[in-house]
Protein backbone atom coordinates (compact mmCIF):
# COMPACT_ATOMS: atom_id res chain seq x y z
CA UNK A 1 20.74 -174.57 -45.26
CA UNK A 2 20.25 -175.51 -49.01
CA UNK A 3 22.70 -173.97 -51.65
CA UNK A 4 19.41 -171.92 -53.22
CA UNK A 5 18.47 -170.77 -50.06
CA UNK A 6 21.86 -169.66 -49.10
CA UNK A 7 21.81 -167.85 -52.37
CA UNK A 8 18.97 -165.98 -51.28
CA UNK A 9 19.80 -164.81 -48.14
CA UNK A 10 22.64 -163.31 -49.48
CA UNK A 11 20.49 -161.70 -52.27
CA UNK A 12 22.75 -163.17 -55.07
CA UNK A 13 20.73 -163.85 -57.80
CA UNK A 14 22.98 -166.21 -60.52
CA UNK A 15 23.78 -164.62 -63.68
CA UNK A 16 23.01 -166.22 -66.77
CA UNK A 17 25.38 -169.05 -67.93
CA UNK A 18 27.84 -166.92 -70.59
CA UNK A 19 27.95 -168.17 -73.72
CA UNK A 20 31.69 -169.87 -75.09
CA UNK A 21 34.12 -167.14 -77.08
CA UNK A 22 35.87 -169.79 -78.52
CA UNK A 23 35.56 -173.79 -78.88
CA UNK A 24 34.69 -175.09 -75.56
CA UNK A 25 31.59 -175.67 -73.15
CA UNK A 26 31.36 -173.80 -70.12
CA UNK A 27 31.61 -176.85 -67.49
CA UNK A 28 31.53 -180.35 -67.85
CA UNK A 29 30.88 -183.30 -65.64
CA UNK A 30 32.73 -186.26 -65.24
CA UNK A 31 33.13 -188.48 -62.01
CA UNK A 32 30.96 -186.62 -59.65
CA UNK A 33 33.01 -183.80 -60.27
CA UNK A 34 31.95 -180.39 -62.55
CA UNK A 35 34.61 -178.60 -63.92
CA UNK A 36 34.02 -175.18 -65.05
CA UNK A 37 36.24 -173.80 -68.09
CA UNK A 38 37.76 -170.11 -67.36
CA UNK A 39 35.21 -167.90 -66.49
CA UNK A 40 35.84 -164.03 -67.25
CA UNK A 41 34.22 -161.27 -65.35
CA UNK A 42 30.92 -161.12 -67.97
CA UNK A 43 28.34 -159.25 -66.97
CA UNK A 44 25.40 -159.07 -69.67
CA UNK A 45 27.70 -160.05 -72.44
CA UNK A 46 30.70 -157.93 -71.86
CA UNK A 47 33.60 -157.08 -69.76
CA UNK A 48 33.11 -154.40 -67.06
CA UNK A 49 36.97 -153.50 -67.28
CA UNK A 50 39.90 -154.55 -69.70
CA UNK A 51 43.53 -154.08 -69.20
CA UNK A 52 46.37 -155.11 -66.63
CA UNK A 53 46.01 -155.29 -62.62
CA UNK A 54 48.38 -152.67 -60.91
CA UNK A 55 48.92 -149.36 -58.96
CA UNK A 56 48.87 -146.31 -61.47
CA UNK A 57 46.90 -144.63 -63.82
CA UNK A 58 45.84 -146.34 -67.29
CA UNK A 59 46.24 -150.19 -64.65
CA UNK A 60 43.40 -152.25 -63.44
CA UNK A 61 43.17 -151.42 -59.21
CA UNK A 62 43.39 -154.48 -56.94
CA UNK A 63 40.01 -153.74 -55.43
CA UNK A 64 38.55 -153.95 -58.49
CA UNK A 65 40.05 -156.93 -59.73
CA UNK A 66 39.15 -158.24 -56.82
CA UNK A 67 35.29 -157.42 -57.28
CA UNK A 68 35.94 -158.94 -61.05
CA UNK A 69 37.00 -161.97 -59.43
CA UNK A 70 34.10 -162.47 -57.27
CA UNK A 71 31.84 -162.06 -60.85
CA UNK A 72 33.68 -164.85 -62.46
CA UNK A 73 32.94 -167.17 -59.32
CA UNK A 74 29.55 -166.46 -59.99
CA UNK A 75 29.56 -167.15 -63.46
CA UNK A 76 31.22 -170.90 -62.60
CA UNK A 77 28.54 -171.40 -60.25
CA UNK A 78 26.16 -170.43 -63.05
CA UNK A 79 27.65 -172.80 -65.35
CA UNK A 80 27.99 -175.66 -63.20
CA UNK A 81 24.81 -175.48 -61.70
CA UNK A 82 23.39 -175.68 -65.34
CA UNK A 83 25.71 -178.96 -66.13
CA UNK A 84 24.50 -180.33 -62.49
CA UNK A 85 20.84 -179.78 -62.85
CA UNK A 86 20.18 -177.25 -60.35
CA UNK A 87 22.94 -175.49 -57.90
CA UNK A 88 21.95 -177.57 -54.63
CA UNK A 89 23.23 -180.77 -56.85
CA UNK A 90 26.75 -178.98 -56.25
CA UNK A 91 27.86 -180.08 -52.60
CA UNK A 92 31.66 -178.35 -52.39
CA UNK A 93 33.80 -176.48 -53.65
CA UNK A 94 37.00 -179.09 -54.57
CA UNK A 95 39.84 -175.91 -56.27
CA UNK A 96 39.95 -173.05 -57.76
CA UNK A 97 43.06 -171.65 -60.47
CA UNK A 98 42.59 -168.42 -60.52
CA UNK A 99 44.55 -165.88 -63.37
CA UNK A 100 45.65 -162.60 -63.09
CA UNK A 101 46.83 -160.01 -65.80
CA UNK A 102 49.33 -157.98 -64.43
CA UNK A 103 51.91 -156.03 -65.05
CA UNK A 104 55.34 -157.56 -63.79
CA UNK A 105 55.72 -156.01 -60.45
CA UNK A 106 52.78 -156.88 -58.92
CA UNK A 107 52.65 -159.29 -56.43
CA UNK A 108 49.05 -159.14 -54.89
CA UNK A 109 46.92 -162.03 -57.31
CA UNK A 110 46.15 -164.28 -53.87
CA UNK A 111 44.23 -161.00 -52.81
CA UNK A 112 43.06 -160.57 -56.47
CA UNK A 113 41.62 -164.17 -56.43
CA UNK A 114 40.10 -163.80 -53.17
CA UNK A 115 36.99 -162.04 -54.53
CA UNK A 116 36.54 -165.86 -55.97
CA UNK A 117 37.17 -167.84 -52.88
CA UNK A 118 35.81 -165.43 -50.51
CA UNK A 119 32.09 -165.54 -52.58
CA UNK A 120 32.27 -169.40 -52.92
CA UNK A 121 32.84 -169.32 -48.92
CA UNK A 122 29.68 -167.18 -48.27
CA UNK A 123 27.50 -169.20 -50.89
CA UNK A 124 28.30 -172.64 -49.64
CA UNK A 125 29.88 -172.24 -46.56
CA UNK A 126 32.64 -174.69 -45.12
CA UNK A 127 31.80 -176.43 -47.94
CA UNK A 128 33.36 -173.72 -50.09
CA UNK A 129 36.53 -174.14 -48.19
CA UNK A 130 38.87 -175.11 -51.42
CA UNK A 131 42.00 -175.32 -52.45
CA UNK A 132 43.29 -172.84 -54.89
CA UNK A 133 46.28 -171.37 -56.96
CA UNK A 134 46.43 -167.89 -57.99
CA UNK A 135 48.78 -166.77 -60.99
CA UNK A 136 49.94 -163.66 -62.69
CA UNK A 137 50.16 -163.93 -66.45
CA UNK A 138 50.66 -161.57 -68.88
CA UNK A 139 47.64 -161.48 -71.15
CA UNK A 140 44.13 -163.15 -70.75
CA UNK A 141 41.25 -163.49 -73.41
CA UNK A 142 39.22 -159.92 -74.49
CA UNK A 143 42.62 -158.05 -72.36
CA UNK A 144 40.19 -159.38 -69.28
CA UNK A 145 42.34 -158.81 -65.84
CA UNK A 146 41.14 -162.00 -64.08
CA UNK A 147 39.73 -165.97 -65.22
CA UNK A 148 38.86 -167.93 -62.84
CA UNK A 149 38.09 -171.67 -63.47
CA UNK A 150 36.83 -173.89 -60.28
CA UNK A 151 35.81 -177.52 -59.67
CA UNK A 152 33.05 -178.96 -57.94
CA UNK A 153 31.63 -182.00 -56.03
CA UNK A 154 28.38 -183.21 -56.57
CA UNK A 155 26.06 -183.99 -54.16
């Protein structure tokens, strides 16, 4: 099944490519790979949540951050598909790097970034299995709770 058919089956519509917020491009291709820039969980031009991930008042709950990581991954697929000439030209996911802006005592970064990994698995099946890093950081651009970058192999 093609990637586009799988997206239709899942009821997933890729978002528009998020315009850069600084001096970079959303994705670039080199030697059969597409590298995305770090994707924030932008929806319709804004972040649905800001702040640090953790447990407690005033913090972004891990379950919410997981959903935001999913949105980051969808934004990455859209950016990569734009460079690749369509989503069906993306053969597989090679590597995911996820950043979680979290309070020092939070150690659940892998669970947060699972939101990205799981949706990539849903979309690409076995070709969505990938190497990954999930890193806790003190702050991300625009006070985003998560940021995800993805490397894709082309067909």
